[in-house]
Amino acid sequence: MKSEKAFSQEMAFADKDLMLTFLNDFKNTIETAEKRLLSISEQESQIPRAEGKWSPKEIIGHLIDSATNNHQRFVRAQFDDQLSFSGYEQEEWVRVQGYNQESWRQLVQLWKHYNLHLVHVMSMVPEQTRTKPRSTHNLDQIAWKTIAKNETVTLDYFMRDYVAHMKNHLGQITDA
């Protein structure tokens, strides 16, 4: 029979392996998507996928905005016992930045490199901080897959939610 300490260490290694798998998948998603995105022409990148929807440039712009907002959230969460952050007006951010007037290649590169930095940032979060239960949060408002206000959340959940949100939007571009 294993001691409690041995079991605890085994679980920590398993969690580290799960995190490593998650980060490798995140990095692979970025690198694979970059190739697929760059196969889209400048002209095609400006065409909305449907009436009232964003173009690929606007989707990547939104993902850049998401990366910048979540970057500071992931850092700030390490200094606080709660996961409550300001939201942002997604539609307005995309509109005022005029992503359709920017170079497709430049947008894709900015998106890629910002997210590779987020892979690094996520890898630096101590496991104890990442998995610490937080009862005060607003993930009922700002997460992609929201969590009820009365439920406990972790930074780990929020980071994984960020990547799932990104993958969803990438699918809107590359699976169309």
C-alpha atoms as a PDB file:
ATOM      1  CA  MET A   1       0.000   0.000   0.000  1.00  0.00           C
ATOM      2  CA  LYS A   2       1.327   3.437  -0.930  1.00  0.00           C
ATOM      3  CA  SER A   3       1.974   6.061   1.684  1.00  0.00           C
ATOM      4  CA  GLU A   4      -0.011   9.297   1.566  1.00  0.00           C
ATOM      5  CA  LYS A   5       3.180  11.172   0.625  1.00  0.00           C
ATOM      6  CA  ALA A   6       3.960   8.789  -2.258  1.00  0.00           C
ATOM      7  CA  PHE A   7       0.381   9.042  -3.511  1.00  0.00           C
ATOM      8  CA  SER A   8       0.530  12.840  -3.280  1.00  0.00           C
ATOM      9  CA  GLN A   9       3.797  12.939  -5.264  1.00  0.00           C
ATOM     10  CA  GLU A  10       2.359  10.566  -7.864  1.00  0.00           C
ATOM     11  CA  MET A  11      -0.690  12.799  -8.304  1.00  0.00           C
ATOM     12  CA  ALA A  12       1.545  15.862  -8.655  1.00  0.00           C
ATOM     13  CA  PHE A  13       3.529  14.139 -11.411  1.00  0.00           C
ATOM     14  CA  ALA A  14       0.317  13.106 -13.149  1.00  0.00           C
ATOM     15  CA  ASP A  15      -0.938  16.692 -12.975  1.00  0.00           C
ATOM     16  CA  LYS A  16       2.399  17.972 -14.344  1.00  0.00           C
ATOM     17  CA  ASP A  17       2.118  15.458 -17.189  1.00  0.00           C
ATOM     18  CA  LEU A  18      -1.427  16.642 -17.913  1.00  0.00           C
ATOM     19  CA  MET A  19      -0.249  20.253 -17.943  1.00  0.00           C
ATOM     20  CA  LEU A  20       2.667  19.406 -20.218  1.00  0.00           C
ATOM     21  CA  THR A  21       0.279  17.620 -22.579  1.00  0.00           C
ATOM     22  CA  PHE A  22      -2.052  20.633 -22.532  1.00  0.00           C
ATOM     23  CA  LEU A  23       0.800  23.080 -23.252  1.00  0.00           C
ATOM     24  CA  ASN A  24       2.182  20.889 -26.051  1.00  0.00           C
ATOM     25  CA  ASP A  25      -1.276  20.711 -27.602  1.00  0.00           C
ATOM     26  CA  PHE A  26      -1.644  24.506 -27.312  1.00  0.00           C
ATOM     27  CA  LYS A  27       1.736  25.038 -29.015  1.00  0.00           C
ATOM     28  CA  ASN A  28       0.943  22.480 -31.723  1.00  0.00           C
ATOM     29  CA  THR A  29      -2.412  24.164 -32.357  1.00  0.00           C
ATOM     30  CA  ILE A  30      -0.653  27.502 -32.870  1.00  0.00           C
ATOM     31  CA  GLU A  31       1.939  26.093 -35.261  1.00  0.00           C
ATOM     32  CA  THR A  32      -0.572  24.029 -37.252  1.00  0.00           C
ATOM     33  CA  ALA A  33      -3.056  26.890 -37.473  1.00  0.00           C
ATOM     34  CA  GLU A  34      -0.371  29.318 -38.636  1.00  0.00           C
ATOM     35  CA  LYS A  35       0.287  27.188 -41.721  1.00  0.00           C
ATOM     36  CA  ARG A  36      -3.400  26.859 -42.517  1.00  0.00           C
ATOM     37  CA  LEU A  37      -4.063  30.555 -41.922  1.00  0.00           C
ATOM     38  CA  LEU A  38      -1.203  31.661 -44.167  1.00  0.00           C
ATOM     39  CA  SER A  39      -2.659  29.556 -46.988  1.00  0.00           C
ATOM     40  CA  ILE A  40      -5.591  32.019 -47.067  1.00  0.00           C
ATOM     41  CA  SER A  41      -5.022  34.893 -49.473  1.00  0.00           C
ATOM     42  CA  GLU A  42      -5.057  38.537 -48.417  1.00  0.00           C
ATOM     43  CA  GLN A  43      -8.285  39.027 -50.359  1.00  0.00           C
ATOM     44  CA  GLU A  44      -9.990  35.939 -48.888  1.00  0.00           C
ATOM     45  CA  SER A  45      -8.998  37.031 -45.379  1.00  0.00           C
ATOM     46  CA  GLN A  46     -11.187  40.147 -45.706  1.00  0.00           C
ATOM     47  CA  ILE A  47     -14.412  38.348 -46.642  1.00  0.00           C
ATOM     48  CA  PRO A  48     -16.898  37.668 -43.820  1.00  0.00           C
ATOM     49  CA  ARG A  49     -17.888  33.985 -43.620  1.00  0.00           C
ATOM     50  CA  ALA A  50     -21.589  34.954 -43.508  1.00  0.00           C
ATOM     51  CA  GLU A  51     -23.809  38.024 -43.330  1.00  0.00           C
ATOM     52  CA  GLY A  52     -23.154  39.908 -40.112  1.00  0.00           C
ATOM     53  CA  LYS A  53     -20.141  37.732 -39.194  1.00  0.00           C
ATOM     54  CA  TRP A  54     -16.472  38.633 -38.886  1.00  0.00           C
ATOM     55  CA  SER A  55     -13.946  38.079 -41.659  1.00  0.00           C
ATOM     56  CA  PRO A  56     -10.898  35.874 -40.966  1.00  0.00           C
ATOM     57  CA  LYS A  57      -8.892  39.075 -40.321  1.00  0.00           C
ATOM     58  CA  GLU A  58     -11.455  40.220 -37.784  1.00  0.00           C
ATOM     59  CA  ILE A  59     -11.524  36.805 -36.099  1.00  0.00           C
ATOM     60  CA  ILE A  60      -7.726  36.790 -35.771  1.00  0.00           C
ATOM     61  CA  GLY A  61      -7.934  40.383 -34.535  1.00  0.00           C
ATOM     62  CA  HIS A  62     -10.441  39.272 -31.910  1.00  0.00           C
ATOM     63  CA  LEU A  63      -8.092  36.433 -30.918  1.00  0.00           C
ATOM     64  CA  ILE A  64      -5.247  38.948 -30.553  1.00  0.00           C
ATOM     65  CA  ASP A  65      -7.505  41.068 -28.329  1.00  0.00           C
ATOM     66  CA  SER A  66      -8.401  37.957 -26.339  1.00  0.00           C
ATOM     67  CA  ALA A  67      -4.715  37.085 -25.941  1.00  0.00           C
ATOM     68  CA  THR A  68      -3.837  40.571 -24.704  1.00  0.00           C
ATOM     69  CA  ASN A  69      -6.705  40.691 -22.226  1.00  0.00           C
ATOM     70  CA  ASN A  70      -6.126  37.172 -20.927  1.00  0.00           C
ATOM     71  CA  HIS A  71      -2.368  37.622 -20.696  1.00  0.00           C
ATOM     72  CA  GLN A  72      -2.787  40.249 -18.005  1.00  0.00           C
ATOM     73  CA  ARG A  73      -5.507  38.174 -16.334  1.00  0.00           C
ATOM     74  CA  PHE A  74      -3.256  35.100 -16.129  1.00  0.00           C
ATOM     75  CA  VAL A  75      -0.484  37.190 -14.580  1.00  0.00           C
ATOM     76  CA  ARG A  76      -2.717  39.123 -12.162  1.00  0.00           C
ATOM     77  CA  ALA A  77      -4.415  35.918 -10.991  1.00  0.00           C
ATOM     78  CA  GLN A  78      -1.104  34.852  -9.448  1.00  0.00           C
ATOM     79  CA  PHE A  79      -1.227  37.791  -7.026  1.00  0.00           C
ATOM     80  CA  ASP A  80      -4.835  37.491  -5.909  1.00  0.00           C
ATOM     81  CA  ASP A  81      -7.200  34.971  -4.343  1.00  0.00           C
ATOM     82  CA  GLN A  82      -9.982  35.751  -6.807  1.00  0.00           C
ATOM     83  CA  LEU A  83     -10.550  35.469 -10.541  1.00  0.00           C
ATOM     84  CA  SER A  84     -12.489  38.690 -11.168  1.00  0.00           C
ATOM     85  CA  PHE A  85     -11.427  40.806 -14.116  1.00  0.00           C
ATOM     86  CA  SER A  86     -12.692  43.581 -16.324  1.00  0.00           C
ATOM     87  CA  GLY A  87     -14.407  42.524 -19.497  1.00  0.00           C
ATOM     88  CA  TYR A  88     -14.080  44.264 -22.831  1.00  0.00           C
ATOM     89  CA  GLU A  89     -16.399  45.214 -25.675  1.00  0.00           C
ATOM     90  CA  GLN A  90     -15.354  42.620 -28.251  1.00  0.00           C
ATOM     91  CA  GLU A  91     -17.346  43.978 -31.186  1.00  0.00           C
ATOM     92  CA  GLU A  92     -16.161  47.530 -30.514  1.00  0.00           C
ATOM     93  CA  TRP A  93     -12.536  46.491 -30.116  1.00  0.00           C
ATOM     94  CA  VAL A  94     -12.641  44.743 -33.493  1.00  0.00           C
ATOM     95  CA  ARG A  95     -14.419  47.685 -35.134  1.00  0.00           C
ATOM     96  CA  VAL A  96     -12.164  50.490 -33.897  1.00  0.00           C
ATOM     97  CA  GLN A  97      -8.951  48.624 -34.731  1.00  0.00           C
ATOM     98  CA  GLY A  98      -9.909  48.156 -38.390  1.00  0.00           C
ATOM     99  CA  TYR A  99      -8.407  44.685 -38.700  1.00  0.00           C
ATOM    100  CA  ASN A 100      -9.582  44.354 -42.319  1.00  0.00           C
ATOM    101  CA  GLN A 101      -7.188  47.186 -43.228  1.00  0.00           C
ATOM    102  CA  GLU A 102      -4.166  45.429 -41.728  1.00  0.00           C
ATOM    103  CA  SER A 103      -1.871  42.927 -43.427  1.00  0.00           C
ATOM    104  CA  TRP A 104      -3.117  39.331 -43.074  1.00  0.00           C
ATOM    105  CA  ARG A 105       0.411  37.961 -42.702  1.00  0.00           C
ATOM    106  CA  GLN A 106       1.231  40.538 -40.015  1.00  0.00           C
ATOM    107  CA  LEU A 107      -1.948  39.722 -38.057  1.00  0.00           C
ATOM    108  CA  VAL A 108      -1.261  35.983 -38.211  1.00  0.00           C
ATOM    109  CA  GLN A 109       2.330  36.497 -37.022  1.00  0.00           C
ATOM    110  CA  LEU A 110       1.235  38.736 -34.142  1.00  0.00           C
ATOM    111  CA  TRP A 111      -1.415  36.186 -33.123  1.00  0.00           C
ATOM    112  CA  LYS A 112       1.122  33.342 -33.343  1.00  0.00           C
ATOM    113  CA  HIS A 113       3.870  35.019 -31.332  1.00  0.00           C
ATOM    114  CA  TYR A 114       1.556  36.389 -28.676  1.00  0.00           C
ATOM    115  CA  ASN A 115       0.108  32.937 -28.108  1.00  0.00           C
ATOM    116  CA  LEU A 116       3.539  31.309 -28.024  1.00  0.00           C
ATOM    117  CA  HIS A 117       4.322  33.771 -25.246  1.00  0.00           C
ATOM    118  CA  LEU A 118       1.117  32.666 -23.469  1.00  0.00           C
ATOM    119  CA  VAL A 119       2.321  29.053 -23.680  1.00  0.00           C
ATOM    120  CA  HIS A 120       5.421  30.232 -21.807  1.00  0.00           C
ATOM    121  CA  VAL A 121       3.418  32.294 -19.295  1.00  0.00           C
ATOM    122  CA  MET A 122       1.129  29.345 -18.560  1.00  0.00           C
ATOM    123  CA  SER A 123       4.121  27.038 -18.142  1.00  0.00           C
ATOM    124  CA  MET A 124       5.518  29.363 -15.469  1.00  0.00           C
ATOM    125  CA  VAL A 125       2.420  29.349 -13.240  1.00  0.00           C
ATOM    126  CA  PRO A 126       3.143  27.202 -10.185  1.00  0.00           C
ATOM    127  CA  GLU A 127       0.849  24.189  -9.916  1.00  0.00           C
ATOM    128  CA  GLN A 128      -0.381  25.277  -6.490  1.00  0.00           C
ATOM    129  CA  THR A 129      -1.426  28.669  -7.904  1.00  0.00           C
ATOM    130  CA  ARG A 130      -2.950  27.170 -11.043  1.00  0.00           C
ATOM    131  CA  THR A 131      -5.072  24.634  -9.176  1.00  0.00           C
ATOM    132  CA  LYS A 132      -5.990  26.729  -6.116  1.00  0.00           C
ATOM    133  CA  PRO A 133      -9.797  26.858  -5.713  1.00  0.00           C
ATOM    134  CA  ARG A 134     -11.217  30.382  -6.036  1.00  0.00           C
ATOM    135  CA  SER A 135     -14.728  31.098  -4.788  1.00  0.00           C
ATOM    136  CA  THR A 136     -14.764  34.752  -5.892  1.00  0.00           C
ATOM    137  CA  HIS A 137     -14.800  35.102  -9.665  1.00  0.00           C
ATOM    138  CA  ASN A 138     -16.667  36.497 -12.639  1.00  0.00           C
ATOM    139  CA  LEU A 139     -16.187  33.574 -15.008  1.00  0.00           C
ATOM    140  CA  ASP A 140     -19.959  33.569 -15.234  1.00  0.00           C
ATOM    141  CA  GLN A 141     -19.455  36.720 -17.357  1.00  0.00           C
ATOM    142  CA  ILE A 142     -16.025  36.566 -19.012  1.00  0.00           C
ATOM    143  CA  ALA A 143     -15.265  32.879 -19.647  1.00  0.00           C
ATOM    144  CA  TRP A 144     -16.102  31.295 -22.987  1.00  0.00           C
ATOM    145  CA  LYS A 145     -17.684  28.322 -21.212  1.00  0.00           C
ATOM    146  CA  THR A 146     -19.090  30.143 -18.228  1.00  0.00           C
ATOM    147  CA  ILE A 147     -19.121  28.857 -14.666  1.00  0.00           C
ATOM    148  CA  ALA A 148     -21.938  29.784 -12.289  1.00  0.00           C
ATOM    149  CA  LYS A 149     -21.075  32.521  -9.811  1.00  0.00           C
ATOM    150  CA  ASN A 150     -21.667  30.193  -6.852  1.00  0.00           C
ATOM    151  CA  GLU A 151     -19.223  27.529  -8.137  1.00  0.00           C
ATOM    152  CA  THR A 152     -15.548  27.380  -7.239  1.00  0.00           C
ATOM    153  CA  VAL A 153     -13.096  27.816 -10.131  1.00  0.00           C
ATOM    154  CA  THR A 154      -9.349  27.570 -10.771  1.00  0.00           C
ATOM    155  CA  LEU A 155      -6.906  29.459 -12.926  1.00  0.00           C
ATOM    156  CA  ASP A 156      -6.247  26.126 -14.629  1.00  0.00           C
ATOM    157  CA  TYR A 157      -9.870  26.042 -15.801  1.00  0.00           C
ATOM    158  CA  PHE A 158      -9.658  29.632 -17.048  1.00  0.00           C
ATOM    159  CA  MET A 159      -6.447  28.968 -19.019  1.00  0.00           C
ATOM    160  CA  ARG A 160      -7.947  25.863 -20.627  1.00  0.00           C
ATOM    161  CA  ASP A 161     -11.107  27.831 -21.423  1.00  0.00           C
ATOM    162  CA  TYR A 162      -8.957  30.437 -23.209  1.00  0.00           C
ATOM    163  CA  VAL A 163      -7.404  27.768 -25.451  1.00  0.00           C
ATOM    164  CA  ALA A 164     -10.793  26.156 -26.171  1.00  0.00           C
ATOM    165  CA  HIS A 165     -12.163  29.591 -27.149  1.00  0.00           C
ATOM    166  CA  MET A 166      -9.199  30.115 -29.464  1.00  0.00           C
ATOM    167  CA  LYS A 167      -9.653  26.698 -31.092  1.00  0.00           C
ATOM    168  CA  ASN A 168     -13.340  27.404 -31.641  1.00  0.00           C
ATOM    169  CA  HIS A 169     -12.579  30.626 -33.520  1.00  0.00           C
ATOM    170  CA  LEU A 170      -9.767  29.044 -35.517  1.00  0.00           C
ATOM    171  CA  GLY A 171     -12.258  26.406 -36.633  1.00  0.00           C
ATOM    172  CA  GLN A 172     -14.551  29.163 -37.891  1.00  0.00           C
ATOM    173  CA  ILE A 173     -11.768  30.224 -40.247  1.00  0.00           C
ATOM    174  CA  THR A 174     -10.078  26.989 -41.272  1.00  0.00           C
ATOM    175  CA  ASP A 175     -13.066  24.639 -41.302  1.00  0.00           C
ATOM    176  CA  ALA A 176     -15.283  26.916 -43.408  1.00  0.00           C
END
